[in-house]
């Protein structure tokens, strides 16, 4: 009864909306709602995580024994597994990659459980010691809510994608109180077209998200720091060097992340993954407590110039008055943070890589500044705080392939643009170097390898969104190698409206060749040849073959371009599946392009 009345209310609301609100204005209103819900998701995730961390790290671990660092990650990952298995009952994938997959392959449709999956699992993961961030789960939660609202409001695919971008902007604006960087993040990471039609909803969503954050968190920001040093032209080579260092660190991050992820994928048992990942990160936390959770406290200590506060509980009780000891310990954090992050994911934890990237970047920049200041080189004295911030931008630009987001985020959260030129130098250098060796960001690595990633290249984006199955035609009459010319004419040519015939193996249905009507037209009335010639003698190899289980639409289009053919056969596991015609493919492409650019 309630469901029926709910559907009736929705129907009446949609009718009222069509009569009284234009589609454009309704999109604006929806973007505000999406930004607000993303902001609320950020508030819930942050508060739940901090409550768990306060209970564990500042309560049990501090009051009882440091060795609880061994146990807490295993407990956390086990709880996450139980929540996924018995409450959510669906696999909860990593936040932003799962959102990119929904845009690329599911037409922006995200399933309902994704609206609460990360809300239930990410705080447990991070709170119990998982070395990941909350930004990805926040974006995924907001994106899932926006996707389901879009379906409820009957938005088309293009508008659903825009609403997902609005959710990302609202989430990032709420987390960092950086509304401009949040808009750029949505455009860079989700490859949105930056037009006036898309910009206004993104602005509304970002504004809604940041206002929500101010309402619940006040004016507190993650990195409370004001820049007091100006950029000098003599600093340019040093920031260029920091960009190169950040680029190589980004490559290290991506390689280790990919290799360790593939190792855990081969472990079939969830129990083994929990045990290996949980104990692995437990050992790391026991020896290196700063790896616990997101790590923003460590970042703030570095920015404020007090790294010894973050390192005071080092296991070996080393002398922190020695700057080279501090540098060595900080460099160890850079090396092991990525291992802690991938162990968290491998054990089944839910989180994001945004915070680990900022963590590693800040330490890398701080180490670089300390080394430069203590080498004894004449005339070299740099700001450790500034290098800490610029290092964050460098690694963010490299790992996430989002240089503009990196530049504007650091500029906004520090309350000024005095570091703008160093940020641009370092971010651009790091991004260029990383992109040369790693063509896709960590977010998009898997989709990029499969050719399923939406990019700013509009042709590529439209082809990625197209479904290859929708352009396959199957109304072709097959012939077999042992069929005579007479049998081909009576059983195939007279029954088909097409001028091409696939030649199939009778037993395996493998495609052995094709026969064109033009091939047999000169001899089709010569009855002397009806019993002499067979399909095996008449057939030719196709100019190219589309492999349904391997070729993406971009590859299909290239095969048409290279072969010059108008029809190409389609196979799957070597078995004949049908044909794709160039005319139908181009018609489908044109329709998708019109819909994509509306």
Protein backbone atom coordinates (compact mmCIF):
# COMPACT_ATOMS: atom_id res chain seq x y z
CA UNK A 1 0.00 0.00 0.00
CA UNK A 2 2.79 2.39 1.01
CA UNK A 3 4.75 1.48 -2.09
CA UNK A 4 1.74 2.09 -4.30
CA UNK A 5 1.04 5.46 -2.67
CA UNK A 6 4.74 6.38 -3.00
CA UNK A 7 4.70 5.63 -6.73
CA UNK A 8 1.49 7.61 -7.10
CA UNK A 9 3.03 10.61 -5.31
CA UNK A 10 6.14 10.41 -7.49
CA UNK A 11 4.02 10.24 -10.63
CA UNK A 12 2.06 13.33 -9.56
CA UNK A 13 5.27 15.14 -8.67
CA UNK A 14 6.85 14.40 -12.08
CA UNK A 15 3.72 15.58 -13.87
CA UNK A 16 3.76 18.78 -11.79
CA UNK A 17 7.45 19.23 -12.50
CA UNK A 18 6.99 18.88 -16.27
CA UNK A 19 4.26 21.53 -16.17
CA UNK A 20 5.87 24.11 -13.88
CA UNK A 21 9.68 23.70 -13.91
CA UNK A 22 11.91 23.71 -16.96
CA UNK A 23 14.32 20.82 -17.38
CA UNK A 24 17.33 23.13 -16.95
CA UNK A 25 16.03 24.65 -13.70
CA UNK A 26 15.18 21.22 -12.34
CA UNK A 27 18.75 20.09 -13.04
CA UNK A 28 19.98 23.13 -11.07
CA UNK A 29 17.74 22.22 -8.13
CA UNK A 30 18.82 18.59 -8.32
CA UNK A 31 22.50 19.59 -8.27
CA UNK A 32 21.93 21.52 -5.03
CA UNK A 33 20.24 18.47 -3.51
CA UNK A 34 23.06 16.19 -4.69
CA UNK A 35 25.70 18.52 -3.25
CA UNK A 36 23.88 18.56 0.08
CA UNK A 37 23.54 14.76 0.27
CA UNK A 38 27.23 14.37 -0.60
CA UNK A 39 28.10 16.82 2.16
CA UNK A 40 25.98 14.86 4.63
CA UNK A 41 27.75 11.65 3.54
CA UNK A 42 31.09 13.33 4.27
CA UNK A 43 29.88 14.40 7.72
CA UNK A 44 28.63 10.90 8.58
CA UNK A 45 31.78 9.16 7.37
CA UNK A 46 34.10 11.56 9.20
CA UNK A 47 32.21 11.43 12.48
CA UNK A 48 31.82 7.64 12.51
CA UNK A 49 35.51 7.17 11.71
CA UNK A 50 36.69 9.63 14.36
CA UNK A 51 34.42 8.02 16.96
CA UNK A 52 35.95 4.58 16.29
CA UNK A 53 39.49 6.00 16.25
CA UNK A 54 38.89 7.86 19.52
CA UNK A 55 37.61 4.68 21.13
CA UNK A 56 40.52 2.55 19.89
CA UNK A 57 43.66 4.66 19.50
CA UNK A 58 43.04 7.24 22.24
CA UNK A 59 41.25 4.72 24.45
CA UNK A 60 42.11 1.03 24.36
CA UNK A 61 45.55 1.25 22.72
CA UNK A 62 46.71 4.17 24.86
CA UNK A 63 45.27 2.82 28.12
CA UNK A 64 46.19 -0.85 27.72
CA UNK A 65 49.00 -1.81 25.40
CA UNK A 66 50.69 -0.71 22.20
CA UNK A 67 50.49 -4.32 20.98
CA UNK A 68 46.78 -3.83 20.25
CA UNK A 69 47.98 -2.32 16.96
CA UNK A 70 48.57 -5.94 15.92
CA UNK A 71 45.00 -6.97 16.58
CA UNK A 72 42.80 -4.04 15.64
CA UNK A 73 43.24 -4.24 11.82
CA UNK A 74 42.35 -7.95 11.76
CA UNK A 75 39.23 -7.24 13.84
CA UNK A 76 38.32 -4.35 11.57
CA UNK A 77 38.71 -6.32 8.34
CA UNK A 78 36.75 -9.23 9.81
CA UNK A 79 33.92 -6.84 10.74
CA UNK A 80 33.96 -5.37 7.22
CA UNK A 81 33.73 -8.86 5.75
CA UNK A 82 30.76 -9.74 7.99
CA UNK A 83 28.98 -6.47 7.14
CA UNK A 84 29.45 -7.08 3.41
CA UNK A 85 28.48 -10.76 3.66
CA UNK A 86 25.40 -10.52 5.88
CA UNK A 87 24.18 -6.90 5.79
CA UNK A 88 25.01 -5.43 2.38
CA UNK A 89 25.18 -8.81 0.60
CA UNK A 90 27.03 -7.32 -2.35
CA UNK A 91 30.68 -6.66 -3.02
CA UNK A 92 31.66 -3.10 -2.11
CA UNK A 93 34.27 -1.94 -4.62
CA UNK A 94 36.70 0.93 -4.25
CA UNK A 95 34.89 4.26 -4.45
CA UNK A 96 36.04 6.24 -7.45
CA UNK A 97 37.00 3.26 -9.69
CA UNK A 98 33.52 1.77 -9.17
CA UNK A 99 31.98 5.14 -10.07
CA UNK A 100 34.10 5.38 -13.23
CA UNK A 101 32.99 1.87 -14.16
CA UNK A 102 29.33 2.85 -13.71
CA UNK A 103 29.81 5.83 -16.03
CA UNK A 104 31.73 3.88 -18.67
CA UNK A 105 29.84 0.58 -18.75
CA UNK A 106 26.52 1.01 -16.90
CA UNK A 107 25.36 4.32 -18.43
CA UNK A 108 25.75 6.07 -15.08
CA UNK A 109 23.49 3.61 -13.25
CA UNK A 110 24.69 2.64 -9.76
CA UNK A 111 22.94 0.02 -7.66
CA UNK A 112 21.03 0.97 -4.52
CA UNK A 113 23.30 -0.81 -2.04
CA UNK A 114 26.12 1.51 -3.14
CA UNK A 115 24.30 4.37 -1.41
CA UNK A 116 25.09 2.88 2.01
CA UNK A 117 27.78 0.26 1.34
CA UNK A 118 30.73 2.61 1.87
CA UNK A 119 28.99 4.35 4.78
CA UNK A 120 28.93 1.07 6.70
CA UNK A 121 32.37 -0.27 5.77
CA UNK A 122 34.78 2.66 5.28
CA UNK A 123 34.59 4.00 8.88
CA UNK A 124 35.23 0.50 10.25
CA UNK A 125 38.17 0.05 7.86
CA UNK A 126 39.86 3.36 8.70
CA UNK A 127 38.81 3.46 12.34
CA UNK A 128 40.39 0.08 13.10
CA UNK A 129 43.68 1.07 11.51
CA UNK A 130 43.23 0.69 7.75
CA UNK A 131 45.75 2.99 6.07
CA UNK A 132 43.38 4.50 3.50
CA UNK A 133 41.28 7.64 3.09
CA UNK A 134 37.60 8.56 3.23
CA UNK A 135 37.45 10.75 0.12
CA UNK A 136 36.79 7.89 -2.31
CA UNK A 137 33.99 6.31 -0.22
CA UNK A 138 32.42 9.75 0.24
CA UNK A 139 32.43 10.40 -3.51
CA UNK A 140 31.07 6.89 -4.19
CA UNK A 141 28.24 7.34 -1.68
CA UNK A 142 27.25 10.71 -3.11
CA UNK A 143 27.55 9.37 -6.66
CA UNK A 144 25.28 6.40 -5.90
CA UNK A 145 22.69 8.68 -4.32
CA UNK A 146 22.81 11.04 -7.30
CA UNK A 147 22.55 8.12 -9.76
CA UNK A 148 19.45 6.73 -8.06
CA UNK A 149 17.88 10.18 -7.78
CA UNK A 150 18.53 10.63 -11.50
CA UNK A 151 16.69 7.39 -12.24
CA UNK A 152 13.87 8.48 -9.98
CA UNK A 153 13.59 11.80 -11.84
CA UNK A 154 13.90 10.08 -15.27
CA UNK A 155 17.11 11.88 -16.25
CA UNK A 156 18.89 10.68 -19.40
CA UNK A 157 22.39 9.22 -19.46
CA UNK A 158 24.15 12.54 -20.02
CA UNK A 159 22.36 14.17 -17.09
CA UNK A 160 23.01 11.14 -14.85
CA UNK A 161 26.72 11.48 -15.58
CA UNK A 162 26.55 15.20 -14.80
CA UNK A 163 24.80 14.48 -11.49
CA UNK A 164 27.56 12.00 -10.57
CA UNK A 165 30.08 14.77 -11.26
CA UNK A 166 28.02 17.09 -9.05
CA UNK A 167 28.16 14.49 -6.28
CA UNK A 168 31.96 14.34 -6.57
CA UNK A 169 32.19 18.13 -6.46
CA UNK A 170 29.88 18.32 -3.43
CA UNK A 171 31.82 15.62 -1.58
CA UNK A 172 35.26 17.14 -2.18
CA UNK A 173 34.03 20.65 -1.36
CA UNK A 174 32.61 19.38 1.92
CA UNK A 175 35.76 17.48 2.90
CA UNK A 176 38.36 20.14 2.06
CA UNK A 177 36.28 23.34 2.03
CA UNK A 178 37.76 23.99 -1.40
CA UNK A 179 34.82 24.55 -3.79
CA UNK A 180 36.86 25.55 -6.86
CA UNK A 181 39.21 22.56 -6.57
CA UNK A 182 36.15 20.34 -6.08
CA UNK A 183 34.69 21.45 -9.42
CA UNK A 184 38.02 20.88 -11.17
CA UNK A 185 38.30 17.44 -9.53
CA UNK A 186 34.92 16.42 -10.96
CA UNK A 187 35.94 17.59 -14.44
CA UNK A 188 39.42 16.02 -14.39
CA UNK A 189 38.65 12.67 -12.79
CA UNK A 190 35.26 11.99 -14.42
CA UNK A 191 36.13 13.61 -17.79
CA UNK A 192 33.09 15.89 -17.82
CA UNK A 193 32.67 18.37 -20.65
CA UNK A 194 33.31 21.83 -19.20
CA UNK A 195 30.50 23.81 -20.81
CA UNK A 196 28.17 26.43 -19.34
CA UNK A 197 25.43 23.80 -19.16
CA UNK A 198 27.59 21.57 -16.96
CA UNK A 199 29.46 24.31 -15.08
CA UNK A 200 26.43 25.86 -13.36
CA UNK A 201 25.19 22.58 -11.78
CA UNK A 202 28.77 21.82 -10.65
CA UNK A 203 28.99 25.25 -9.03
CA UNK A 204 25.64 24.76 -7.25
CA UNK A 205 26.66 21.29 -6.02
CA UNK A 206 30.08 22.45 -4.82
CA UNK A 207 28.55 25.44 -3.04
CA UNK A 208 25.91 23.25 -1.42
CA UNK A 209 28.57 20.79 -0.23
CA UNK A 210 30.86 23.44 1.27
CA UNK A 211 27.97 25.18 3.05
CA UNK A 212 26.92 21.84 4.53
CA UNK A 213 30.49 21.37 5.78
CA UNK A 214 30.56 24.83 7.36
CA UNK A 215 27.23 24.12 9.05
CA UNK A 216 28.42 20.89 10.70
CA UNK A 217 32.18 21.45 11.10
CA UNK A 218 32.38 25.22 11.44
CA UNK A 219 35.37 27.01 9.97
CA UNK A 220 37.88 24.25 10.82
CA UNK A 221 39.94 23.10 7.85
CA UNK A 222 42.19 20.09 7.30
CA UNK A 223 45.37 22.11 6.72
CA UNK A 224 45.28 25.32 8.79
CA UNK A 225 48.30 27.10 7.33
CA UNK A 226 48.99 30.56 5.97
CA UNK A 227 51.80 31.12 3.49
CA UNK A 228 54.28 33.80 4.56
CA UNK A 229 56.99 33.36 1.93
CA UNK A 230 56.99 34.62 -1.65
CA UNK A 231 58.19 32.72 -4.71
CA UNK A 232 61.60 33.78 -5.99
CA UNK A 233 62.83 33.02 -9.50
CA UNK A 234 65.94 31.41 -7.99
CA UNK A 235 63.66 28.74 -6.50
CA UNK A 236 62.51 27.52 -9.93
CA UNK A 237 65.16 24.76 -10.40
CA UNK A 238 64.46 23.43 -6.89
CA UNK A 239 60.72 23.16 -7.48
CA UNK A 240 61.44 21.55 -10.84
CA UNK A 241 63.60 19.02 -8.99
CA UNK A 242 60.76 18.42 -6.51
CA UNK A 243 58.46 17.78 -9.47
CA UNK A 244 60.85 15.16 -10.86
CA UNK A 245 61.14 13.48 -7.44
CA UNK A 246 57.34 13.51 -7.12
CA UNK A 247 57.01 11.97 -10.56
CA UNK A 248 59.25 9.03 -9.71
CA UNK A 249 57.47 8.62 -6.36
CA UNK A 250 54.15 8.54 -8.25
CA UNK A 251 55.48 5.83 -10.54
CA UNK A 252 56.62 3.86 -7.47
CA UNK A 253 53.16 4.29 -5.93
CA UNK A 254 51.36 3.08 -9.06
CA UNK A 255 53.67 0.09 -9.66
CA UNK A 256 53.54 -1.17 -6.07
CA UNK A 257 49.78 -0.65 -5.91
CA UNK A 258 49.23 -2.61 -9.13
CA UNK A 259 51.59 -5.46 -8.23
CA UNK A 260 50.27 -5.97 -4.71
CA UNK A 261 46.66 -5.74 -5.88
CA UNK A 262 47.31 -8.51 -8.41
CA UNK A 263 48.91 -10.65 -5.68
CA UNK A 264 45.86 -10.38 -3.43
CA UNK A 265 43.50 -11.07 -6.35
CA UNK A 266 45.09 -14.51 -6.64
CA UNK A 267 44.21 -15.34 -3.01
CA UNK A 268 40.76 -16.88 -3.24
CA UNK A 269 39.92 -17.29 0.44
CA UNK A 270 38.56 -14.18 2.24
CA UNK A 271 39.91 -15.58 5.51
CA UNK A 272 43.44 -15.78 4.10
CA UNK A 273 43.21 -12.24 2.74
CA UNK A 274 42.03 -10.93 6.11
CA UNK A 275 44.78 -12.80 7.95
CA UNK A 276 47.60 -11.81 5.57
CA UNK A 277 46.48 -8.22 5.10
CA UNK A 278 45.44 -7.69 8.71
CA UNK A 279 48.60 -9.11 10.25
CA UNK A 280 50.75 -7.34 7.65
CA UNK A 281 49.32 -3.93 8.43
CA UNK A 282 49.27 -4.78 12.15
CA UNK A 283 53.04 -5.31 12.04
CA UNK A 284 53.51 -2.04 10.15
CA UNK A 285 51.36 -0.12 12.65
CA UNK A 286 53.19 -1.67 15.61
CA UNK A 287 56.55 -0.46 14.32
CA UNK A 288 55.28 2.67 12.50
CA UNK A 289 52.17 4.08 14.31
CA UNK A 290 51.91 7.19 12.04
CA UNK A 291 50.64 4.86 9.29
CA UNK A 292 47.38 4.46 11.26
CA UNK A 293 44.30 5.74 9.41
CA UNK A 294 44.22 8.72 7.03
CA UNK A 295 47.29 10.50 8.38
CA UNK A 296 46.10 14.12 8.37
CA UNK A 297 47.51 14.65 11.87
CA UNK A 298 50.97 13.80 10.53
CA UNK A 299 50.48 16.16 7.58
CA UNK A 300 49.52 19.01 9.93
CA UNK A 301 52.56 18.33 12.12
CA UNK A 302 54.79 18.63 9.08
CA UNK A 303 53.09 21.80 7.84
CA UNK A 304 53.38 23.37 11.29
CA UNK A 305 57.07 22.45 11.46
CA UNK A 306 56.80 19.88 14.27
CA UNK A 307 57.61 16.49 12.67
CA UNK A 308 58.98 15.19 15.98
CA UNK A 309 55.41 15.12 17.35
CA UNK A 310 54.42 12.60 14.67
CA UNK A 311 57.59 10.54 15.17
CA UNK A 312 57.92 10.62 18.97
CA UNK A 313 56.57 7.08 19.41
CA UNK A 314 59.05 5.44 17.05
CA UNK A 315 59.74 1.83 18.03
CA UNK A 316 63.54 2.19 18.18
CA UNK A 317 63.36 5.30 20.40
CA UNK A 318 65.77 7.14 18.10
CA UNK A 319 67.09 10.62 18.83
CA UNK A 320 64.81 13.07 17.05
CA UNK A 321 67.19 15.98 17.65
CA UNK A 322 69.30 14.58 14.82
CA UNK A 323 67.78 15.92 11.60
CA UNK A 324 69.11 13.01 9.52
CA UNK A 325 67.35 10.54 11.82
CA UNK A 326 64.13 12.52 11.28
CA UNK A 327 64.69 12.45 7.50
CA UNK A 328 65.29 8.69 7.56
CA UNK A 329 62.13 8.04 9.60
CA UNK A 330 60.05 10.28 7.36
CA UNK A 331 61.43 8.60 4.25
CA UNK A 332 60.44 5.25 5.77
CA UNK A 333 56.86 6.52 6.03
CA UNK A 334 56.91 7.30 2.29
CA UNK A 335 58.22 3.83 1.46
CA UNK A 336 55.82 1.88 3.66
CA UNK A 337 52.61 3.93 3.30
CA UNK A 338 51.79 2.40 -0.07
CA UNK A 339 52.33 -1.09 1.36
CA UNK A 340 49.97 -0.28 4.23
CA UNK A 341 47.39 1.05 1.77
CA UNK A 342 47.49 -1.96 -0.55
CA UNK A 343 47.44 -4.37 2.42
CA UNK A 344 44.27 -2.62 3.59
CA UNK A 345 42.61 -3.04 0.21
CA UNK A 346 43.91 -6.59 -0.19
CA UNK A 347 42.44 -7.63 3.16
CA UNK A 348 39.01 -6.44 2.04
CA UNK A 349 39.03 -2.96 3.52
CA UNK A 350 37.04 -0.14 1.91
CA UNK A 351 38.60 3.27 1.41
CA UNK A 352 40.34 5.58 -1.02
CA UNK A 353 43.86 6.55 -2.10
CA UNK A 354 43.40 10.33 -2.00
CA UNK A 355 44.52 10.69 1.63
CA UNK A 356 47.49 8.29 1.28
CA UNK A 357 48.62 10.33 -1.73
CA UNK A 358 48.51 13.57 0.27
CA UNK A 359 50.28 11.82 3.17
CA UNK A 360 53.16 10.57 1.02
CA UNK A 361 53.43 13.82 -0.92
CA UNK A 362 53.64 15.97 2.20
CA UNK A 363 56.40 13.80 3.69
CA UNK A 364 58.29 13.70 0.41
CA UNK A 365 58.24 17.49 0.13
CA UNK A 366 59.26 17.90 3.77
CA UNK A 367 62.17 15.45 3.35
CA UNK A 368 63.35 17.25 0.21
CA UNK A 369 63.34 20.59 2.04
CA UNK A 370 65.19 19.18 5.06
CA UNK A 371 67.86 17.64 2.83
CA UNK A 372 68.35 20.89 0.90
CA UNK A 373 68.61 22.91 4.11
CA UNK A 374 71.11 20.54 5.72
CA UNK A 375 73.44 19.76 2.83
CA UNK A 376 75.47 22.84 3.63
CA UNK A 377 75.21 24.23 0.11
CA UNK A 378 75.80 28.01 0.16
CA UNK A 379 72.78 30.20 -0.54
CA UNK A 380 70.18 27.41 -0.28
CA UNK A 381 67.52 27.85 2.38
CA UNK A 382 63.96 26.76 1.62
CA UNK A 383 60.67 26.74 3.53
CA UNK A 384 59.92 23.26 4.81
CA UNK A 385 56.23 24.06 5.17
CA UNK A 386 55.96 25.32 1.61
CA UNK A 387 57.76 22.25 0.25
CA UNK A 388 55.45 20.05 2.32
CA UNK A 389 52.42 21.59 0.61
CA UNK A 390 53.94 21.62 -2.87
CA UNK A 391 55.03 17.99 -2.43
CA UNK A 392 51.40 17.07 -1.79
CA UNK A 393 50.43 18.69 -5.08
CA UNK A 394 53.26 16.92 -6.90
CA UNK A 395 52.24 13.43 -5.83
CA UNK A 396 48.55 14.15 -6.30
CA UNK A 397 49.20 15.32 -9.87
CA UNK A 398 51.22 12.19 -10.62
CA UNK A 399 49.24 9.45 -8.89
CA UNK A 400 45.73 10.78 -9.62
CA UNK A 401 46.59 12.37 -13.00
CA UNK A 402 44.81 15.48 -11.76
CA UNK A 403 47.32 18.38 -11.91
CA UNK A 404 44.75 21.17 -11.90
CA UNK A 405 42.97 19.68 -8.89
CA UNK A 406 46.32 19.45 -7.10
CA UNK A 407 47.19 23.09 -7.83
CA UNK A 408 43.85 24.60 -6.82
CA UNK A 409 43.29 22.31 -3.82
CA UNK A 410 46.54 23.29 -2.09
CA UNK A 411 46.05 26.93 -3.06
CA UNK A 412 42.53 26.98 -1.59
CA UNK A 413 43.12 25.06 1.62
CA UNK A 414 46.11 27.28 2.49
CA UNK A 415 44.04 30.42 2.01
CA UNK A 416 46.08 32.09 -0.70
CA UNK A 417 47.78 31.88 -4.07
CA UNK A 418 51.33 32.85 -3.13
CA UNK A 419 52.48 29.30 -3.88
CA UNK A 420 50.65 29.17 -7.20
CA UNK A 421 53.75 29.25 -9.42
CA UNK A 422 55.63 26.55 -7.44
CA UNK A 423 52.48 24.44 -7.41
CA UNK A 424 52.17 24.75 -11.19
CA UNK A 425 55.86 23.91 -11.79
CA UNK A 426 55.90 20.86 -9.54
CA UNK A 427 52.46 19.51 -10.49
CA UNK A 428 53.04 19.89 -14.24
CA UNK A 429 56.49 18.26 -14.04
CA UNK A 430 55.27 15.35 -11.93
CA UNK A 431 52.20 14.77 -14.11
CA UNK A 432 54.19 14.85 -17.36
CA UNK A 433 56.82 12.43 -16.08
CA UNK A 434 54.30 10.01 -14.57
CA UNK A 435 52.04 10.09 -17.63
CA UNK A 436 54.99 9.05 -19.81
CA UNK A 437 55.45 5.80 -17.84
CA UNK A 438 51.94 5.27 -16.42
CA UNK A 439 49.28 6.23 -19.02
CA UNK A 440 46.35 6.04 -16.59
CA UNK A 441 45.77 7.15 -13.02
CA UNK A 442 45.50 4.61 -10.22
CA UNK A 443 41.75 5.26 -10.25
CA UNK A 444 41.43 4.38 -13.93
CA UNK A 445 44.26 1.87 -14.36
CA UNK A 446 42.13 -1.24 -14.80
CA UNK A 447 39.50 0.41 -17.01
CA UNK A 448 42.24 2.03 -19.08
CA UNK A 449 43.91 -1.31 -19.78
CA UNK A 450 40.58 -2.72 -20.97
CA UNK A 451 39.85 0.30 -23.17
CA UNK A 452 36.70 1.06 -21.15
CA UNK A 453 37.72 4.43 -19.75
CA UNK A 454 35.84 7.62 -20.53
CA UNK A 455 38.30 10.39 -21.48
CA UNK A 456 38.16 14.04 -22.56
CA UNK A 457 38.66 12.81 -26.14
CA UNK A 458 35.04 13.06 -27.28
CA UNK A 459 35.38 10.50 -30.10
CA UNK A 460 36.96 8.00 -27.72
CA UNK A 461 34.37 8.75 -25.03
CA UNK A 462 31.42 8.17 -27.37
CA UNK A 463 32.90 4.91 -28.69
CA UNK A 464 33.53 3.74 -25.11
CA UNK A 465 29.90 4.37 -24.20
CA UNK A 466 28.59 2.40 -27.18
CA UNK A 467 27.49 -1.19 -26.70
CA UNK A 468 29.02 -3.45 -29.34
CA UNK A 469 26.18 -5.98 -29.02
CA UNK A 470 23.66 -3.36 -30.15
CA UNK A 471 25.22 -3.11 -33.63
CA UNK A 472 25.69 -6.83 -34.35
CA UNK A 473 23.40 -8.17 -37.09
CA UNK A 474 22.59 -11.88 -37.24
CA UNK A 475 20.26 -12.24 -40.26
CA UNK A 476 22.95 -13.79 -42.44
CA UNK A 477 22.46 -17.26 -43.90
CA UNK A 478 25.52 -19.44 -43.22
CA UNK A 479 27.01 -21.95 -45.65
CA UNK A 480 29.40 -24.85 -45.01
CA UNK A 481 32.71 -25.71 -46.72
CA UNK A 482 31.42 -28.90 -48.38
CA UNK A 483 28.33 -27.26 -49.90
CA UNK A 484 28.36 -27.14 -53.70
CA UNK A 485 27.66 -24.04 -55.74
CA UNK A 486 24.17 -25.36 -56.52
CA UNK A 487 23.41 -25.90 -52.83
CA UNK A 488 24.71 -22.43 -52.01
CA UNK A 489 22.36 -20.90 -54.58
CA UNK A 490 19.25 -22.85 -53.53
CA UNK A 491 19.81 -22.94 -49.75
CA UNK A 492 21.48 -19.59 -49.13
CA UNK A 493 21.30 -17.05 -51.96
CA UNK A 494 17.59 -17.48 -52.68
CA UNK A 495 16.73 -17.36 -48.95
CA UNK A 496 18.86 -14.36 -47.95
CA UNK A 497 18.35 -10.66 -48.36
CA UNK A 498 22.07 -10.05 -47.74
CA UNK A 499 24.94 -10.22 -50.19
CA UNK A 500 27.45 -11.85 -47.85
CA UNK A 501 27.54 -15.39 -46.49
CA UNK A 502 29.67 -16.71 -43.58
CA UNK A 503 31.33 -20.08 -44.18
CA UNK A 504 31.19 -22.11 -40.96
CA UNK A 505 32.62 -25.41 -39.82
CA UNK A 506 29.66 -27.78 -39.42
CA UNK A 507 30.80 -29.14 -36.07
CA UNK A 508 32.48 -26.26 -34.25
CA UNK A 509 30.69 -23.32 -35.93
CA UNK A 510 34.11 -21.70 -36.36
CA UNK A 511 34.29 -19.05 -39.06
CA UNK A 512 36.41 -20.39 -41.91
CA UNK A 513 35.81 -17.65 -44.48
CA UNK A 514 33.18 -15.55 -46.25
CA UNK A 515 31.56 -15.59 -49.67
CA UNK A 516 30.35 -12.39 -51.30
CA UNK A 517 27.53 -12.40 -53.82
CA UNK A 518 29.96 -10.59 -56.15
CA UNK A 519 32.25 -13.65 -55.95
CA UNK A 520 29.68 -16.01 -57.42
CA UNK A 521 27.66 -13.68 -59.64
CA UNK A 522 29.80 -14.36 -62.78
CA UNK A 523 29.29 -18.15 -62.46
CA UNK A 524 25.92 -18.48 -60.75
CA UNK A 525 24.09 -19.27 -64.05
CA UNK A 526 26.66 -21.78 -65.29
CA UNK A 527 24.94 -25.05 -64.32
CA UNK A 528 27.99 -27.11 -65.28
CA UNK A 529 29.77 -25.74 -62.21
CA UNK A 530 26.92 -26.40 -59.74
CA UNK A 531 28.35 -29.74 -58.66
CA UNK A 532 32.02 -29.01 -59.27
CA UNK A 533 32.72 -25.97 -57.11
CA UNK A 534 32.35 -25.98 -53.34
CA UNK A 535 32.15 -23.25 -50.74
CA UNK A 536 35.69 -24.09 -49.62
CA UNK A 537 36.92 -23.20 -53.10
CA UNK A 538 34.83 -20.06 -53.42
CA UNK A 539 35.37 -18.53 -49.98
CA UNK A 540 37.89 -15.81 -49.12
CA UNK A 541 39.40 -14.68 -45.87
CA UNK A 542 37.55 -11.71 -44.36
CA UNK A 543 39.51 -8.41 -44.47
CA UNK A 544 39.36 -8.36 -40.65
CA UNK A 545 37.51 -10.14 -37.85
CA UNK A 546 35.92 -8.46 -34.83
CA UNK A 547 36.56 -10.49 -31.68
CA UNK A 548 33.67 -9.90 -29.32
CA UNK A 549 35.58 -11.10 -26.27
CA UNK A 550 38.60 -8.88 -26.92
CA UNK A 551 37.86 -5.90 -29.19
CA UNK A 552 36.40 -2.69 -27.79
CA UNK A 553 34.47 -0.27 -29.96
CA UNK A 554 37.53 1.90 -30.54
CA UNK A 555 39.36 -1.13 -31.94
CA UNK A 556 36.35 -2.09 -34.07
CA UNK A 557 36.26 1.37 -35.65
CA UNK A 558 39.98 1.14 -36.42
CA UNK A 559 39.50 -2.25 -38.11
CA UNK A 560 36.88 -0.73 -40.41
CA UNK A 561 39.19 2.18 -41.15
CA UNK A 562 42.22 0.00 -41.90
CA UNK A 563 40.39 -2.66 -43.93
CA UNK A 564 38.06 -0.40 -45.93
CA UNK A 565 35.33 -3.06 -45.56
CA UNK A 566 31.61 -2.37 -45.21
CA UNK A 567 30.86 -5.53 -43.25
CA UNK A 568 33.05 -7.40 -40.81
CA UNK A 569 32.30 -10.79 -39.21
CA UNK A 570 32.10 -11.07 -35.40
CA UNK A 571 33.40 -14.06 -33.48
CA UNK A 572 33.42 -15.01 -29.82
CA UNK A 573 35.81 -17.74 -28.68
CA UNK A 574 36.43 -18.27 -32.44
CA UNK A 575 32.74 -19.11 -33.04
CA UNK A 576 30.73 -17.09 -35.53
CA UNK A 577 28.45 -14.54 -33.88
CA UNK A 578 27.19 -12.26 -36.68
CA UNK A 579 28.31 -9.22 -38.69
CA UNK A 580 28.78 -5.52 -38.02
CA UNK A 581 28.09 -3.15 -40.88
CA UNK A 582 29.85 0.19 -41.17
CA UNK A 583 26.59 1.98 -41.92
CA UNK A 584 24.88 0.70 -38.77
CA UNK A 585 27.96 1.43 -36.69
CA UNK A 586 28.16 5.03 -37.91
CA UNK A 587 24.42 5.52 -37.37
CA UNK A 588 24.70 4.27 -33.78
CA UNK A 589 27.78 6.47 -33.26
CA UNK A 590 25.93 9.55 -34.51
CA UNK A 591 22.98 8.92 -32.20
CA UNK A 592 25.27 8.40 -29.21
CA UNK A 593 27.23 11.55 -30.07
CA UNK A 594 24.04 13.63 -30.20
CA UNK A 595 22.95 12.27 -26.82
CA UNK A 596 26.43 12.70 -25.34
CA UNK A 597 26.74 16.36 -26.35
CA UNK A 598 23.25 17.48 -25.40
